[in-house]
């Protein structure tokens, strides 16, 4: 496994992965420290393309990522993460809609849990999932970052959703 850090407008990011692809893109959140395995190596150039595409995204010049991803999770989680990737740039969805899309309409809470377990934030856009009423629901990176990402993409959500931040 390789790892690397990348500075971004939403704070320092932690990247990790192997030859199969990117496995993690984590935000700096005190309650979720980054765990680096003893045998992991600092990435010299392994994530250059990831960093370039992230920089383009944050500069407003990239709407879709073209990267090899290898998130580790259950079959159910994988199906949710794939559905997240189908949410277009600048648009939002709801947990219930995602549950319907993966053919599990009664699994709304499980979809929310899988969304929260997304190991590749920003690129697998879990920030695009909001409450049915337009509220900014939980986000592992914090609601302020979620609002920042949605605003960057030009997604619409009620202004009162920002008042609670």
Protein backbone atom coordinates (compact mmCIF):
# COMPACT_ATOMS: atom_id res chain seq x y z
CA UNK A 1 0.00 0.00 0.00
CA UNK A 2 1.05 3.51 -0.76
CA UNK A 3 -0.11 6.71 0.93
CA UNK A 4 0.21 10.42 0.35
CA UNK A 5 -1.18 13.71 1.58
CA UNK A 6 -2.70 16.41 -0.61
CA UNK A 7 -3.61 19.97 0.35
CA UNK A 8 -6.96 21.19 -0.93
CA UNK A 9 -9.46 24.02 -0.32
CA UNK A 10 -11.32 21.73 2.11
CA UNK A 11 -8.18 20.89 4.08
CA UNK A 12 -5.49 18.25 3.95
CA UNK A 13 -6.52 14.99 2.30
CA UNK A 14 -5.11 11.50 2.88
CA UNK A 15 -4.80 9.18 -0.13
CA UNK A 16 -4.00 5.48 0.00
CA UNK A 17 -4.13 2.62 -2.42
CA UNK A 18 -2.20 0.00 -4.31
CA UNK A 19 -1.66 -1.16 -7.89
CA UNK A 20 -5.40 -1.89 -8.22
CA UNK A 21 -6.31 1.73 -7.56
CA UNK A 22 -7.20 4.35 -4.99
CA UNK A 23 -8.68 2.79 -1.85
CA UNK A 24 -9.06 5.83 0.37
CA UNK A 25 -9.46 9.57 0.08
CA UNK A 26 -10.06 10.81 3.60
CA UNK A 27 -10.48 14.29 5.02
CA UNK A 28 -8.66 15.52 8.11
CA UNK A 29 -11.24 14.95 10.85
CA UNK A 30 -9.98 14.74 14.45
CA UNK A 31 -12.42 12.01 15.49
CA UNK A 32 -11.32 9.80 12.57
CA UNK A 33 -7.51 9.68 12.59
CA UNK A 34 -5.71 8.31 9.57
CA UNK A 35 -4.24 4.87 10.09
CA UNK A 36 -1.04 4.08 8.21
CA UNK A 37 0.01 0.44 8.15
CA UNK A 38 3.52 -0.48 9.24
CA UNK A 39 4.39 -1.82 5.80
CA UNK A 40 2.89 1.10 3.84
CA UNK A 41 5.19 3.23 1.73
CA UNK A 42 5.02 6.95 1.11
CA UNK A 43 3.90 7.45 -2.50
CA UNK A 44 6.48 9.26 -4.57
CA UNK A 45 4.43 9.64 -7.75
CA UNK A 46 1.73 6.96 -7.46
CA UNK A 47 -1.09 9.45 -6.88
CA UNK A 48 0.01 12.29 -9.16
CA UNK A 49 -3.01 11.79 -11.43
CA UNK A 50 -5.39 11.74 -8.46
CA UNK A 51 -3.91 14.99 -7.14
CA UNK A 52 -4.05 16.63 -10.56
CA UNK A 53 -7.70 15.69 -11.05
CA UNK A 54 -8.57 16.87 -7.53
CA UNK A 55 -6.89 20.21 -8.22
CA UNK A 56 -8.85 20.52 -11.48
CA UNK A 57 -12.09 19.69 -9.64
CA UNK A 58 -11.47 22.29 -6.92
CA UNK A 59 -10.60 24.87 -9.60
CA UNK A 60 -13.95 24.18 -11.33
CA UNK A 61 -12.33 22.64 -14.41
CA UNK A 62 -13.32 18.99 -13.83
CA UNK A 63 -16.79 17.52 -13.40
CA UNK A 64 -15.97 13.80 -13.69
CA UNK A 65 -13.04 11.85 -12.35
CA UNK A 66 -11.27 9.30 -14.54
CA UNK A 67 -9.31 7.23 -12.05
CA UNK A 68 -8.86 3.60 -11.04
CA UNK A 69 -10.78 3.18 -7.81
CA UNK A 70 -10.61 0.19 -5.48
CA UNK A 71 -12.76 0.96 -2.44
CA UNK A 72 -12.91 -1.90 0.04
CA UNK A 73 -16.38 -2.83 1.28
CA UNK A 74 -19.23 -5.30 1.22
CA UNK A 75 -21.23 -6.08 -1.92
CA UNK A 76 -24.04 -3.87 -0.58
CA UNK A 77 -21.67 -0.97 0.13
CA UNK A 78 -20.15 -1.33 -3.33
CA UNK A 79 -23.61 -1.08 -4.90
CA UNK A 80 -24.34 2.12 -2.95
CA UNK A 81 -20.95 3.63 -3.87
CA UNK A 82 -21.58 2.83 -7.52
CA UNK A 83 -24.98 4.54 -7.32
CA UNK A 84 -23.32 7.59 -5.74
CA UNK A 85 -21.02 7.86 -8.74
CA UNK A 86 -24.07 8.11 -11.00
CA UNK A 87 -25.28 11.33 -9.31
CA UNK A 88 -24.32 14.06 -11.79
CA UNK A 89 -22.05 16.95 -10.87
CA UNK A 90 -24.04 19.81 -9.38
CA UNK A 91 -27.07 17.67 -8.57
CA UNK A 92 -28.24 16.00 -5.40
CA UNK A 93 -30.10 12.87 -4.40
CA UNK A 94 -31.77 11.34 -1.33
CA UNK A 95 -31.14 8.12 0.58
CA UNK A 96 -34.55 6.77 -0.46
CA UNK A 97 -33.82 7.42 -4.13
CA UNK A 98 -30.47 5.61 -3.86
CA UNK A 99 -32.19 2.68 -2.13
CA UNK A 100 -34.65 2.44 -5.02
CA UNK A 101 -31.85 2.69 -7.60
CA UNK A 102 -30.00 -0.29 -6.14
CA UNK A 103 -33.21 -2.33 -5.95
CA UNK A 104 -33.55 -2.21 -2.15
CA UNK A 105 -36.28 0.39 -1.55
CA UNK A 106 -36.70 -0.56 2.14
CA UNK A 107 -32.97 -0.32 2.91
CA UNK A 108 -32.90 3.46 3.34
CA UNK A 109 -31.04 3.36 6.66
CA UNK A 110 -28.55 0.81 5.36
CA UNK A 111 -27.94 3.06 2.36
CA UNK A 112 -27.27 5.93 4.75
CA UNK A 113 -24.80 3.80 6.68
CA UNK A 114 -23.03 2.71 3.48
CA UNK A 115 -22.94 6.33 2.33
CA UNK A 116 -21.28 7.29 5.61
CA UNK A 117 -18.72 4.49 5.20
CA UNK A 118 -17.61 5.73 1.77
CA UNK A 119 -13.79 5.50 1.85
CA UNK A 120 -13.19 7.72 -1.20
CA UNK A 121 -14.83 11.05 -0.44
CA UNK A 122 -15.22 13.76 -3.10
CA UNK A 123 -14.47 11.32 -5.97
CA UNK A 124 -17.29 9.00 -4.88
CA UNK A 125 -19.60 11.94 -4.22
CA UNK A 126 -21.41 11.11 -0.98
CA UNK A 127 -21.63 14.88 -0.40
CA UNK A 128 -24.35 14.97 -3.08
CA UNK A 129 -26.81 13.14 -0.82
CA UNK A 130 -29.05 15.49 1.15
CA UNK A 131 -32.24 15.16 3.14
CA UNK A 132 -35.50 14.87 1.23
CA UNK A 133 -36.44 18.28 2.65
CA UNK A 134 -33.23 19.81 1.26
CA UNK A 135 -31.39 19.74 4.58
CA UNK A 136 -27.69 19.02 4.69
CA UNK A 137 -27.66 15.66 6.45
CA UNK A 138 -24.64 14.12 8.15
CA UNK A 139 -21.28 14.09 6.44
CA UNK A 140 -18.10 12.44 7.73
CA UNK A 141 -16.05 15.49 6.72
CA UNK A 142 -18.45 17.87 8.48
CA UNK A 143 -21.44 19.79 7.19
CA UNK A 144 -19.33 22.89 6.46
CA UNK A 145 -17.25 20.90 3.96
CA UNK A 146 -20.37 19.33 2.48
CA UNK A 147 -21.84 22.79 1.89
CA UNK A 148 -18.53 23.95 0.41
CA UNK A 149 -18.44 21.04 -2.06
CA UNK A 150 -22.08 21.50 -3.07
CA UNK A 151 -21.55 25.24 -3.55
CA UNK A 152 -18.44 24.56 -5.65
CA UNK A 153 -20.57 22.37 -7.93
CA UNK A 154 -23.39 24.89 -8.06
CA UNK A 155 -25.87 22.47 -6.48
CA UNK A 156 -28.97 24.09 -5.10
CA UNK A 157 -30.07 23.55 -1.53
CA UNK A 158 -32.11 25.85 0.73
CA UNK A 159 -30.20 28.75 2.28
CA UNK A 160 -31.68 27.86 5.67
CA UNK A 161 -29.65 24.65 5.48
CA UNK A 162 -26.57 26.84 5.93
CA UNK A 163 -27.92 28.72 8.93
CA UNK A 164 -27.37 25.76 11.23
CA UNK A 165 -23.69 25.44 10.29
